Amino acid sequence: SFDPITLGHLNIIRRAAAIFDRVVVC
């Protein structure tokens, strides 16, 4: 829900982006 997005969320997103070709934040 990202109400709001935090640095914890970004940490997970950044790590997923290093593993996968494409990341969609929904």
mmCIF file of all heavy atoms, coordinates in Angstrom:
data_MODEL
# 
_entry.id   MODEL 
# 
loop_
_atom_site.group_PDB 
_atom_site.id 
_atom_site.type_symbol 
_atom_site.label_atom_id 
_atom_site.label_alt_id 
_atom_site.label_comp_id 
_atom_site.label_asym_id 
_atom_site.label_entity_id 
_atom_site.label_seq_id 
_atom_site.pdbx_PDB_ins_code 
_atom_site.Cartn_x 
_atom_site.Cartn_y 
_atom_site.Cartn_z 
_atom_site.occupancy 
_atom_site.B_iso_or_equiv 
_atom_site.pdbx_formal_charge 
_atom_site.auth_seq_id 
_atom_site.auth_comp_id 
_atom_site.auth_asym_id 
_atom_site.auth_atom_id 
_atom_site.pdbx_PDB_model_num 
ATOM 1   N N   . SER A 1 1  ? 0.833  -1.208  0.000   1.00 0.00 ? 1  SER A N   1 
ATOM 2   C CA  . SER A 1 1  ? 0.000  0.000   0.000   1.00 0.00 ? 1  SER A CA  1 
ATOM 3   C C   . SER A 1 1  ? 0.869  1.259   0.000   1.00 0.00 ? 1  SER A C   1 
ATOM 4   O O   . SER A 1 1  ? 0.414  2.322   -0.399  1.00 0.00 ? 1  SER A O   1 
ATOM 5   C CB  . SER A 1 1  ? -0.971 -0.004  1.184   1.00 0.00 ? 1  SER A CB  1 
ATOM 6   O OG  . SER A 1 1  ? -0.273 -0.153  2.395   1.00 0.00 ? 1  SER A OG  1 
ATOM 7   N N   . PHE A 1 2  ? 2.109  1.165   0.454   1.00 0.00 ? 2  PHE A N   1 
ATOM 8   C CA  . PHE A 1 2  ? 3.084  2.260   0.360   1.00 0.00 ? 2  PHE A CA  1 
ATOM 9   C C   . PHE A 1 2  ? 2.505  3.599   0.825   1.00 0.00 ? 2  PHE A C   1 
ATOM 10  O O   . PHE A 1 2  ? 2.526  4.588   0.110   1.00 0.00 ? 2  PHE A O   1 
ATOM 11  C CB  . PHE A 1 2  ? 3.639  2.384   -1.062  1.00 0.00 ? 2  PHE A CB  1 
ATOM 12  C CG  . PHE A 1 2  ? 4.257  1.120   -1.571  1.00 0.00 ? 2  PHE A CG  1 
ATOM 13  C CD1 . PHE A 1 2  ? 3.629  0.357   -2.559  1.00 0.00 ? 2  PHE A CD1 1 
ATOM 14  C CD2 . PHE A 1 2  ? 5.459  0.662   -1.061  1.00 0.00 ? 2  PHE A CD2 1 
ATOM 15  C CE1 . PHE A 1 2  ? 4.188  -0.822  -3.031  1.00 0.00 ? 2  PHE A CE1 1 
ATOM 16  C CE2 . PHE A 1 2  ? 6.028  -0.527  -1.523  1.00 0.00 ? 2  PHE A CE2 1 
ATOM 17  C CZ  . PHE A 1 2  ? 5.385  -1.264  -2.512  1.00 0.00 ? 2  PHE A CZ  1 
ATOM 18  N N   . ASP A 1 3  ? 2.042  3.621   2.059   1.00 0.00 ? 3  ASP A N   1 
ATOM 19  C CA  . ASP A 1 3  ? 1.350  4.799   2.614   1.00 0.00 ? 3  ASP A CA  1 
ATOM 20  C C   . ASP A 1 3  ? 2.131  5.413   3.775   1.00 0.00 ? 3  ASP A C   1 
ATOM 21  O O   . ASP A 1 3  ? 1.614  5.424   4.885   1.00 0.00 ? 3  ASP A O   1 
ATOM 22  C CB  . ASP A 1 3  ? -0.062 4.393   3.044   1.00 0.00 ? 3  ASP A CB  1 
ATOM 23  C CG  . ASP A 1 3  ? -0.940 5.581   3.388   1.00 0.00 ? 3  ASP A CG  1 
ATOM 24  O OD1 . ASP A 1 3  ? -0.853 6.618   2.700   1.00 0.00 ? 3  ASP A OD1 1 
ATOM 25  O OD2 . ASP A 1 3  ? -1.704 5.473   4.360   1.00 0.00 ? 3  ASP A OD2 1 
ATOM 26  N N   . PRO A 1 4  ? 3.331  5.919   3.571   1.00 0.00 ? 4  PRO A N   1 
ATOM 27  C CA  . PRO A 1 4  ? 4.110  6.125   2.363   1.00 0.00 ? 4  PRO A CA  1 
ATOM 28  C C   . PRO A 1 4  ? 5.153  5.023   2.163   1.00 0.00 ? 4  PRO A C   1 
ATOM 29  O O   . PRO A 1 4  ? 5.350  4.169   3.028   1.00 0.00 ? 4  PRO A O   1 
ATOM 30  C CB  . PRO A 1 4  ? 4.813  7.452   2.646   1.00 0.00 ? 4  PRO A CB  1 
ATOM 31  C CG  . PRO A 1 4  ? 5.117  7.359   4.105   1.00 0.00 ? 4  PRO A CG  1 
ATOM 32  C CD  . PRO A 1 4  ? 3.913  6.649   4.702   1.00 0.00 ? 4  PRO A CD  1 
ATOM 33  N N   . ILE A 1 5  ? 5.879  5.091   1.031   1.00 0.00 ? 5  ILE A N   1 
ATOM 34  C CA  . ILE A 1 5  ? 6.995  4.195   0.787   1.00 0.00 ? 5  ILE A CA  1 
ATOM 35  C C   . ILE A 1 5  ? 8.109  4.553   1.770   1.00 0.00 ? 5  ILE A C   1 
ATOM 36  O O   . ILE A 1 5  ? 8.338  5.734   2.058   1.00 0.00 ? 5  ILE A O   1 
ATOM 37  C CB  . ILE A 1 5  ? 7.470  4.274   -0.674  1.00 0.00 ? 5  ILE A CB  1 
ATOM 38  C CG1 . ILE A 1 5  ? 8.486  3.158   -0.970  1.00 0.00 ? 5  ILE A CG1 1 
ATOM 39  C CG2 . ILE A 1 5  ? 7.979  5.661   -1.041  1.00 0.00 ? 5  ILE A CG2 1 
ATOM 40  C CD1 . ILE A 1 5  ? 8.777  2.974   -2.451  1.00 0.00 ? 5  ILE A CD1 1 
ATOM 41  N N   . THR A 1 6  ? 8.784  3.543   2.302   1.00 0.00 ? 6  THR A N   1 
ATOM 42  C CA  . THR A 1 6  ? 9.863  3.753   3.274   1.00 0.00 ? 6  THR A CA  1 
ATOM 43  C C   . THR A 1 6  ? 11.185 3.259   2.692   1.00 0.00 ? 6  THR A C   1 
ATOM 44  O O   . THR A 1 6  ? 11.213 2.599   1.650   1.00 0.00 ? 6  THR A O   1 
ATOM 45  C CB  . THR A 1 6  ? 9.590  2.988   4.583   1.00 0.00 ? 6  THR A CB  1 
ATOM 46  O OG1 . THR A 1 6  ? 9.722  1.579   4.319   1.00 0.00 ? 6  THR A OG1 1 
ATOM 47  C CG2 . THR A 1 6  ? 8.213  3.310   5.147   1.00 0.00 ? 6  THR A CG2 1 
ATOM 48  N N   . LEU A 1 7  ? 12.265 3.541   3.406   1.00 0.00 ? 7  LEU A N   1 
ATOM 49  C CA  . LEU A 1 7  ? 13.563 3.017   2.984   1.00 0.00 ? 7  LEU A CA  1 
ATOM 50  C C   . LEU A 1 7  ? 13.602 1.498   3.109   1.00 0.00 ? 7  LEU A C   1 
ATOM 51  O O   . LEU A 1 7  ? 14.356 0.839   2.391   1.00 0.00 ? 7  LEU A O   1 
ATOM 52  C CB  . LEU A 1 7  ? 14.685 3.666   3.792   1.00 0.00 ? 7  LEU A CB  1 
ATOM 53  C CG  . LEU A 1 7  ? 14.912 5.148   3.508   1.00 0.00 ? 7  LEU A CG  1 
ATOM 54  C CD1 . LEU A 1 7  ? 16.062 5.689   4.341   1.00 0.00 ? 7  LEU A CD1 1 
ATOM 55  C CD2 . LEU A 1 7  ? 15.128 5.424   2.032   1.00 0.00 ? 7  LEU A CD2 1 
ATOM 56  N N   . GLY A 1 8  ? 12.809 0.928   3.999   1.00 0.00 ? 8  GLY A N   1 
ATOM 57  C CA  . GLY A 1 8  ? 12.697 -0.527  4.087   1.00 0.00 ? 8  GLY A CA  1 
ATOM 58  C C   . GLY A 1 8  ? 12.088 -1.104  2.819   1.00 0.00 ? 8  GLY A C   1 
ATOM 59  O O   . GLY A 1 8  ? 12.578 -2.104  2.274   1.00 0.00 ? 8  GLY A O   1 
ATOM 60  N N   . HIS A 1 9  ? 11.016 -0.482  2.320   1.00 0.00 ? 9  HIS A N   1 
ATOM 61  C CA  . HIS A 1 9  ? 10.429 -0.909  1.049   1.00 0.00 ? 9  HIS A CA  1 
ATOM 62  C C   . HIS A 1 9  ? 11.481 -0.810  -0.065  1.00 0.00 ? 9  HIS A C   1 
ATOM 63  O O   . HIS A 1 9  ? 11.632 -1.730  -0.876  1.00 0.00 ? 9  HIS A O   1 
ATOM 64  C CB  . HIS A 1 9  ? 9.255  -0.011  0.653   1.00 0.00 ? 9  HIS A CB  1 
ATOM 65  C CG  . HIS A 1 9  ? 8.055  -0.109  1.520   1.00 0.00 ? 9  HIS A CG  1 
ATOM 66  N ND1 . HIS A 1 9  ? 7.457  0.997   2.070   1.00 0.00 ? 9  HIS A ND1 1 
ATOM 67  C CD2 . HIS A 1 9  ? 7.321  -1.177  1.912   1.00 0.00 ? 9  HIS A CD2 1 
ATOM 68  C CE1 . HIS A 1 9  ? 6.406  0.619   2.767   1.00 0.00 ? 9  HIS A CE1 1 
ATOM 69  N NE2 . HIS A 1 9  ? 6.305  -0.701  2.702   1.00 0.00 ? 9  HIS A NE2 1 
ATOM 70  N N   . LEU A 1 10 ? 12.179 0.315   -0.115  1.00 0.00 ? 10 LEU A N   1 
ATOM 71  C CA  . LEU A 1 10 ? 13.179 0.522   -1.171  1.00 0.00 ? 10 LEU A CA  1 
ATOM 72  C C   . LEU A 1 10 ? 14.309 -0.489  -1.095  1.00 0.00 ? 10 LEU A C   1 
ATOM 73  O O   . LEU A 1 10 ? 14.846 -0.907  -2.123  1.00 0.00 ? 10 LEU A O   1 
ATOM 74  C CB  . LEU A 1 10 ? 13.746 1.936   -1.096  1.00 0.00 ? 10 LEU A CB  1 
ATOM 75  C CG  . LEU A 1 10 ? 12.929 2.999   -1.800  1.00 0.00 ? 10 LEU A CG  1 
ATOM 76  C CD1 . LEU A 1 10 ? 13.573 4.362   -1.646  1.00 0.00 ? 10 LEU A CD1 1 
ATOM 77  C CD2 . LEU A 1 10 ? 12.736 2.669   -3.261  1.00 0.00 ? 10 LEU A CD2 1 
ATOM 78  N N   . ASN A 1 11 ? 14.670 -0.905  0.103   1.00 0.00 ? 11 ASN A N   1 
ATOM 79  C CA  . ASN A 1 11 ? 15.708 -1.920  0.267   1.00 0.00 ? 11 ASN A CA  1 
ATOM 80  C C   . ASN A 1 11 ? 15.275 -3.225  -0.402  1.00 0.00 ? 11 ASN A C   1 
ATOM 81  O O   . ASN A 1 11 ? 16.053 -3.849  -1.134  1.00 0.00 ? 11 ASN A O   1 
ATOM 82  C CB  . ASN A 1 11 ? 15.998 -2.130  1.760   1.00 0.00 ? 11 ASN A CB  1 
ATOM 83  C CG  . ASN A 1 11 ? 16.984 -3.232  1.997   1.00 0.00 ? 11 ASN A CG  1 
ATOM 84  O OD1 . ASN A 1 11 ? 16.603 -4.354  2.311   1.00 0.00 ? 11 ASN A OD1 1 
ATOM 85  N ND2 . ASN A 1 11 ? 18.259 -2.918  1.865   1.00 0.00 ? 11 ASN A ND2 1 
ATOM 86  N N   . ILE A 1 12 ? 14.034 -3.621  -0.203  1.00 0.00 ? 12 ILE A N   1 
ATOM 87  C CA  . ILE A 1 12 ? 13.516 -4.843  -0.822  1.00 0.00 ? 12 ILE A CA  1 
ATOM 88  C C   . ILE A 1 12 ? 13.429 -4.670  -2.343  1.00 0.00 ? 12 ILE A C   1 
ATOM 89  O O   . ILE A 1 12 ? 13.824 -5.552  -3.108  1.00 0.00 ? 12 ILE A O   1 
ATOM 90  C CB  . ILE A 1 12 ? 12.137 -5.212  -0.232  1.00 0.00 ? 12 ILE A CB  1 
ATOM 91  C CG1 . ILE A 1 12 ? 12.235 -5.511  1.275   1.00 0.00 ? 12 ILE A CG1 1 
ATOM 92  C CG2 . ILE A 1 12 ? 11.493 -6.364  -1.004  1.00 0.00 ? 12 ILE A CG2 1 
ATOM 93  C CD1 . ILE A 1 12 ? 13.071 -6.710  1.652   1.00 0.00 ? 12 ILE A CD1 1 
ATOM 94  N N   . ILE A 1 13 ? 12.928 -3.519  -2.798  1.00 0.00 ? 13 ILE A N   1 
ATOM 95  C CA  . ILE A 1 13 ? 12.797 -3.257  -4.236  1.00 0.00 ? 13 ILE A CA  1 
ATOM 96  C C   . ILE A 1 13 ? 14.168 -3.267  -4.907  1.00 0.00 ? 13 ILE A C   1 
ATOM 97  O O   . ILE A 1 13 ? 14.356 -3.875  -5.967  1.00 0.00 ? 13 ILE A O   1 
ATOM 98  C CB  . ILE A 1 13 ? 12.066 -1.918  -4.479  1.00 0.00 ? 13 ILE A CB  1 
ATOM 99  C CG1 . ILE A 1 13 ? 10.611 -2.022  -4.011  1.00 0.00 ? 13 ILE A CG1 1 
ATOM 100 C CG2 . ILE A 1 13 ? 12.164 -1.492  -5.940  1.00 0.00 ? 13 ILE A CG2 1 
ATOM 101 C CD1 . ILE A 1 13 ? 9.903  -0.684  -3.855  1.00 0.00 ? 13 ILE A CD1 1 
ATOM 102 N N   . ARG A 1 14 ? 15.144 -2.609  -4.303  1.00 0.00 ? 14 ARG A N   1 
ATOM 103 C CA  . ARG A 1 14 ? 16.502 -2.557  -4.873  1.00 0.00 ? 14 ARG A CA  1 
ATOM 104 C C   . ARG A 1 14 ? 17.089 -3.958  -4.992  1.00 0.00 ? 14 ARG A C   1 
ATOM 105 O O   . ARG A 1 14 ? 17.678 -4.323  -6.013  1.00 0.00 ? 14 ARG A O   1 
ATOM 106 C CB  . ARG A 1 14 ? 17.407 -1.690  -4.003  1.00 0.00 ? 14 ARG A CB  1 
ATOM 107 C CG  . ARG A 1 14 ? 18.862 -1.620  -4.494  1.00 0.00 ? 14 ARG A CG  1 
ATOM 108 C CD  . ARG A 1 14 ? 19.787 -0.940  -3.498  1.00 0.00 ? 14 ARG A CD  1 
ATOM 109 N NE  . ARG A 1 14 ? 19.746 -1.495  -2.153  1.00 0.00 ? 14 ARG A NE  1 
ATOM 110 C CZ  . ARG A 1 14 ? 20.328 -2.646  -1.787  1.00 0.00 ? 14 ARG A CZ  1 
ATOM 111 N NH1 . ARG A 1 14 ? 20.981 -3.381  -2.661  1.00 0.00 ? 14 ARG A NH1 1 
ATOM 112 N NH2 . ARG A 1 14 ? 20.256 -3.068  -0.538  1.00 0.00 ? 14 ARG A NH2 1 
ATOM 113 N N   . ARG A 1 15 ? 16.910 -4.768  -3.971  1.00 0.00 ? 15 ARG A N   1 
ATOM 114 C CA  . ARG A 1 15 ? 17.447 -6.132  -3.994  1.00 0.00 ? 15 ARG A CA  1 
ATOM 115 C C   . ARG A 1 15 ? 16.731 -6.989  -5.026  1.00 0.00 ? 15 ARG A C   1 
ATOM 116 O O   . ARG A 1 15 ? 17.357 -7.797  -5.713  1.00 0.00 ? 15 ARG A O   1 
ATOM 117 C CB  . ARG A 1 15 ? 17.387 -6.717  -2.591  1.00 0.00 ? 15 ARG A CB  1 
ATOM 118 C CG  . ARG A 1 15 ? 18.391 -6.005  -1.675  1.00 0.00 ? 15 ARG A CG  1 
ATOM 119 C CD  . ARG A 1 15 ? 18.176 -6.236  -0.206  1.00 0.00 ? 15 ARG A CD  1 
ATOM 120 N NE  . ARG A 1 15 ? 18.056 -7.637  0.141   1.00 0.00 ? 15 ARG A NE  1 
ATOM 121 C CZ  . ARG A 1 15 ? 17.361 -8.067  1.192   1.00 0.00 ? 15 ARG A CZ  1 
ATOM 122 N NH1 . ARG A 1 15 ? 16.741 -7.224  1.981   1.00 0.00 ? 15 ARG A NH1 1 
ATOM 123 N NH2 . ARG A 1 15 ? 17.298 -9.356  1.460   1.00 0.00 ? 15 ARG A NH2 1 
ATOM 124 N N   . ALA A 1 16 ? 15.419 -6.815  -5.154  1.00 0.00 ? 16 ALA A N   1 
ATOM 125 C CA  . ALA A 1 16 ? 14.672 -7.554  -6.184  1.00 0.00 ? 16 ALA A CA  1 
ATOM 126 C C   . ALA A 1 16 ? 15.151 -7.140  -7.574  1.00 0.00 ? 16 ALA A C   1 
ATOM 127 O O   . ALA A 1 16 ? 15.288 -7.984  -8.470  1.00 0.00 ? 16 ALA A O   1 
ATOM 128 C CB  . ALA A 1 16 ? 13.176 -7.310  -6.027  1.00 0.00 ? 16 ALA A CB  1 
ATOM 129 N N   . ALA A 1 17 ? 15.433 -5.853  -7.751  1.00 0.00 ? 17 ALA A N   1 
ATOM 130 C CA  . ALA A 1 17 ? 15.896 -5.347  -9.045  1.00 0.00 ? 17 ALA A CA  1 
ATOM 131 C C   . ALA A 1 17 ? 17.257 -5.930  -9.421  1.00 0.00 ? 17 ALA A C   1 
ATOM 132 O O   . ALA A 1 17 ? 17.579 -6.036  -10.611 1.00 0.00 ? 17 ALA A O   1 
ATOM 133 C CB  . ALA A 1 17 ? 15.951 -3.824  -9.032  1.00 0.00 ? 17 ALA A CB  1 
ATOM 134 N N   . ALA A 1 18 ? 18.056 -6.312  -8.434  1.00 0.00 ? 18 ALA A N   1 
ATOM 135 C CA  . ALA A 1 18 ? 19.352 -6.932  -8.705  1.00 0.00 ? 18 ALA A CA  1 
ATOM 136 C C   . ALA A 1 18 ? 19.206 -8.413  -9.074  1.00 0.00 ? 18 ALA A C   1 
ATOM 137 O O   . ALA A 1 18 ? 20.098 -8.986  -9.700  1.00 0.00 ? 18 ALA A O   1 
ATOM 138 C CB  . ALA A 1 18 ? 20.265 -6.781  -7.483  1.00 0.00 ? 18 ALA A CB  1 
ATOM 139 N N   . ILE A 1 19 ? 18.085 -9.021  -8.714  1.00 0.00 ? 19 ILE A N   1 
ATOM 140 C CA  . ILE A 1 19 ? 17.861 -10.447 -8.965  1.00 0.00 ? 19 ILE A CA  1 
ATOM 141 C C   . ILE A 1 19 ? 17.069 -10.681 -10.253 1.00 0.00 ? 19 ILE A C   1 
ATOM 142 O O   . ILE A 1 19 ? 17.358 -11.612 -11.007 1.00 0.00 ? 19 ILE A O   1 
ATOM 143 C CB  . ILE A 1 19 ? 17.103 -11.086 -7.777  1.00 0.00 ? 19 ILE A CB  1 
ATOM 144 C CG1 . ILE A 1 19 ? 17.938 -11.001 -6.502  1.00 0.00 ? 19 ILE A CG1 1 
ATOM 145 C CG2 . ILE A 1 19 ? 16.720 -12.536 -8.081  1.00 0.00 ? 19 ILE A CG2 1 
ATOM 146 C CD1 . ILE A 1 19 ? 17.158 -11.340 -5.228  1.00 0.00 ? 19 ILE A CD1 1 
ATOM 147 N N   . PHE A 1 20 ? 16.085 -9.832  -10.509 1.00 0.00 ? 20 PHE A N   1 
ATOM 148 C CA  . PHE A 1 20 ? 15.167 -10.029 -11.631 1.00 0.00 ? 20 PHE A CA  1 
ATOM 149 C C   . PHE A 1 20 ? 15.444 -9.042  -12.760 1.00 0.00 ? 20 PHE A C   1 
ATOM 150 O O   . PHE A 1 20 ? 15.931 -7.947  -12.526 1.00 0.00 ? 20 PHE A O   1 
ATOM 151 C CB  . PHE A 1 20 ? 13.711 -9.874  -11.155 1.00 0.00 ? 20 PHE A CB  1 
ATOM 152 C CG  . PHE A 1 20 ? 13.266 -10.984 -10.246 1.00 0.00 ? 20 PHE A CG  1 
ATOM 153 C CD1 . PHE A 1 20 ? 13.458 -10.897 -8.879  1.00 0.00 ? 20 PHE A CD1 1 
ATOM 154 C CD2 . PHE A 1 20 ? 12.677 -12.131 -10.767 1.00 0.00 ? 20 PHE A CD2 1 
ATOM 155 C CE1 . PHE A 1 20 ? 13.066 -11.928 -8.044  1.00 0.00 ? 20 PHE A CE1 1 
ATOM 156 C CE2 . PHE A 1 20 ? 12.280 -13.160 -9.936  1.00 0.00 ? 20 PHE A CE2 1 
ATOM 157 C CZ  . PHE A 1 20 ? 12.474 -13.064 -8.577  1.00 0.00 ? 20 PHE A CZ  1 
ATOM 158 N N   . ASP A 1 21 ? 15.053 -9.456  -13.978 1.00 0.00 ? 21 ASP A N   1 
ATOM 159 C CA  . ASP A 1 21 ? 15.209 -8.581  -15.141 1.00 0.00 ? 21 ASP A CA  1 
ATOM 160 C C   . ASP A 1 21 ? 14.280 -7.376  -15.053 1.00 0.00 ? 21 ASP A C   1 
ATOM 161 O O   . ASP A 1 21 ? 14.634 -6.286  -15.478 1.00 0.00 ? 21 ASP A O   1 
ATOM 162 C CB  . ASP A 1 21 ? 14.879 -9.346  -16.432 1.00 0.00 ? 21 ASP A CB  1 
ATOM 163 C CG  . ASP A 1 21 ? 15.814 -10.514 -16.654 1.00 0.00 ? 21 ASP A CG  1 
ATOM 164 O OD1 . ASP A 1 21 ? 17.031 -10.334 -16.491 1.00 0.00 ? 21 ASP A OD1 1 
ATOM 165 O OD2 . ASP A 1 21 ? 15.326 -11.608 -16.976 1.00 0.00 ? 21 ASP A OD2 1 
ATOM 166 N N   . ARG A 1 22 ? 13.093 -7.617  -14.519 1.00 0.00 ? 22 ARG A N   1 
ATOM 167 C CA  . ARG A 1 22 ? 12.074 -6.571  -14.456 1.00 0.00 ? 22 ARG A CA  1 
ATOM 168 C C   . ARG A 1 22 ? 11.375 -6.638  -13.101 1.00 0.00 ? 22 ARG A C   1 
ATOM 169 O O   . ARG A 1 22 ? 11.037 -7.711  -12.622 1.00 0.00 ? 22 ARG A O   1 
ATOM 170 C CB  . ARG A 1 22 ? 11.061 -6.807  -15.566 1.00 0.00 ? 22 ARG A CB  1 
ATOM 171 C CG  . ARG A 1 22 ? 9.929  -5.838  -15.599 1.00 0.00 ? 22 ARG A CG  1 
ATOM 172 C CD  . ARG A 1 22 ? 8.979  -6.180  -16.736 1.00 0.00 ? 22 ARG A CD  1 
ATOM 173 N NE  . ARG A 1 22 ? 7.916  -5.201  -16.795 1.00 0.00 ? 22 ARG A NE  1 
ATOM 174 C CZ  . ARG A 1 22 ? 6.741  -5.435  -17.339 1.00 0.00 ? 22 ARG A CZ  1 
ATOM 175 N NH1 . ARG A 1 22 ? 6.470  -6.605  -17.869 1.00 0.00 ? 22 ARG A NH1 1 
ATOM 176 N NH2 . ARG A 1 22 ? 5.823  -4.501  -17.353 1.00 0.00 ? 22 ARG A NH2 1 
ATOM 177 N N   . VAL A 1 23 ? 11.148 -5.474  -12.518 1.00 0.00 ? 23 VAL A N   1 
ATOM 178 C CA  . VAL A 1 23 ? 10.415 -5.376  -11.251 1.00 0.00 ? 23 VAL A CA  1 
ATOM 179 C C   . VAL A 1 23 ? 9.278  -4.382  -11.450 1.00 0.00 ? 23 VAL A C   1 
ATOM 180 O O   . VAL A 1 23 ? 9.492  -3.279  -11.952 1.00 0.00 ? 23 VAL A O   1 
ATOM 181 C CB  . VAL A 1 23 ? 11.333 -4.908  -10.091 1.00 0.00 ? 23 VAL A CB  1 
ATOM 182 C CG1 . VAL A 1 23 ? 10.528 -4.699  -8.820  1.00 0.00 ? 23 VAL A CG1 1 
ATOM 183 C CG2 . VAL A 1 23 ? 12.456 -5.898  -9.862  1.00 0.00 ? 23 VAL A CG2 1 
ATOM 184 N N   . VAL A 1 24 ? 8.086  -4.795  -11.052 1.00 0.00 ? 24 VAL A N   1 
ATOM 185 C CA  . VAL A 1 24 ? 6.930  -3.917  -11.075 1.00 0.00 ? 24 VAL A CA  1 
ATOM 186 C C   . VAL A 1 24 ? 6.507  -3.693  -9.627  1.00 0.00 ? 24 VAL A C   1 
ATOM 187 O O   . VAL A 1 24 ? 6.166  -4.648  -8.919  1.00 0.00 ? 24 VAL A O   1 
ATOM 188 C CB  . VAL A 1 24 ? 5.756  -4.521  -11.886 1.00 0.00 ? 24 VAL A CB  1 
ATOM 189 C CG1 . VAL A 1 24 ? 4.540  -3.610  -11.824 1.00 0.00 ? 24 VAL A CG1 1 
ATOM 190 C CG2 . VAL A 1 24 ? 6.178  -4.781  -13.323 1.00 0.00 ? 24 VAL A CG2 1 
ATOM 191 N N   . VAL A 1 25 ? 6.582  -2.448  -9.195  1.00 0.00 ? 25 VAL A N   1 
ATOM 192 C CA  . VAL A 1 25 ? 6.092  -2.104  -7.863  1.00 0.00 ? 25 VAL A CA  1 
ATOM 193 C C   . VAL A 1 25 ? 4.601  -1.817  -8.029  1.00 0.00 ? 25 VAL A C   1 
ATOM 194 O O   . VAL A 1 25 ? 4.216  -0.933  -8.790  1.00 0.00 ? 25 VAL A O   1 
ATOM 195 C CB  . VAL A 1 25 ? 6.823  -0.877  -7.283  1.00 0.00 ? 25 VAL A CB  1 
ATOM 196 C CG1 . VAL A 1 25 ? 6.285  -0.543  -5.900  1.00 0.00 ? 25 VAL A CG1 1 
ATOM 197 C CG2 . VAL A 1 25 ? 8.328  -1.122  -7.241  1.00 0.00 ? 25 VAL A CG2 1 
ATOM 198 N N   . CYS A 1 26 ? 3.801  -2.599  -7.345  1.00 0.00 ? 26 CYS A N   1 
ATOM 199 C CA  . CYS A 1 26 ? 2.352  -2.505  -7.494  1.00 0.00 ? 26 CYS A CA  1 
ATOM 200 C C   . CYS A 1 26 ? 1.741  -1.853  -6.265  1.00 0.00 ? 26 CYS A C   1 
ATOM 201 O O   . CYS A 1 26 ? 1.771  -2.425  -5.166  1.00 0.00 ? 26 CYS A O   1 
ATOM 202 C CB  . CYS A 1 26 ? 1.753  -3.888  -7.711  1.00 0.00 ? 26 CYS A CB  1 
ATOM 203 S SG  . CYS A 1 26 ? -0.033 -3.842  -7.925  1.00 0.00 ? 26 CYS A SG  1 
# 
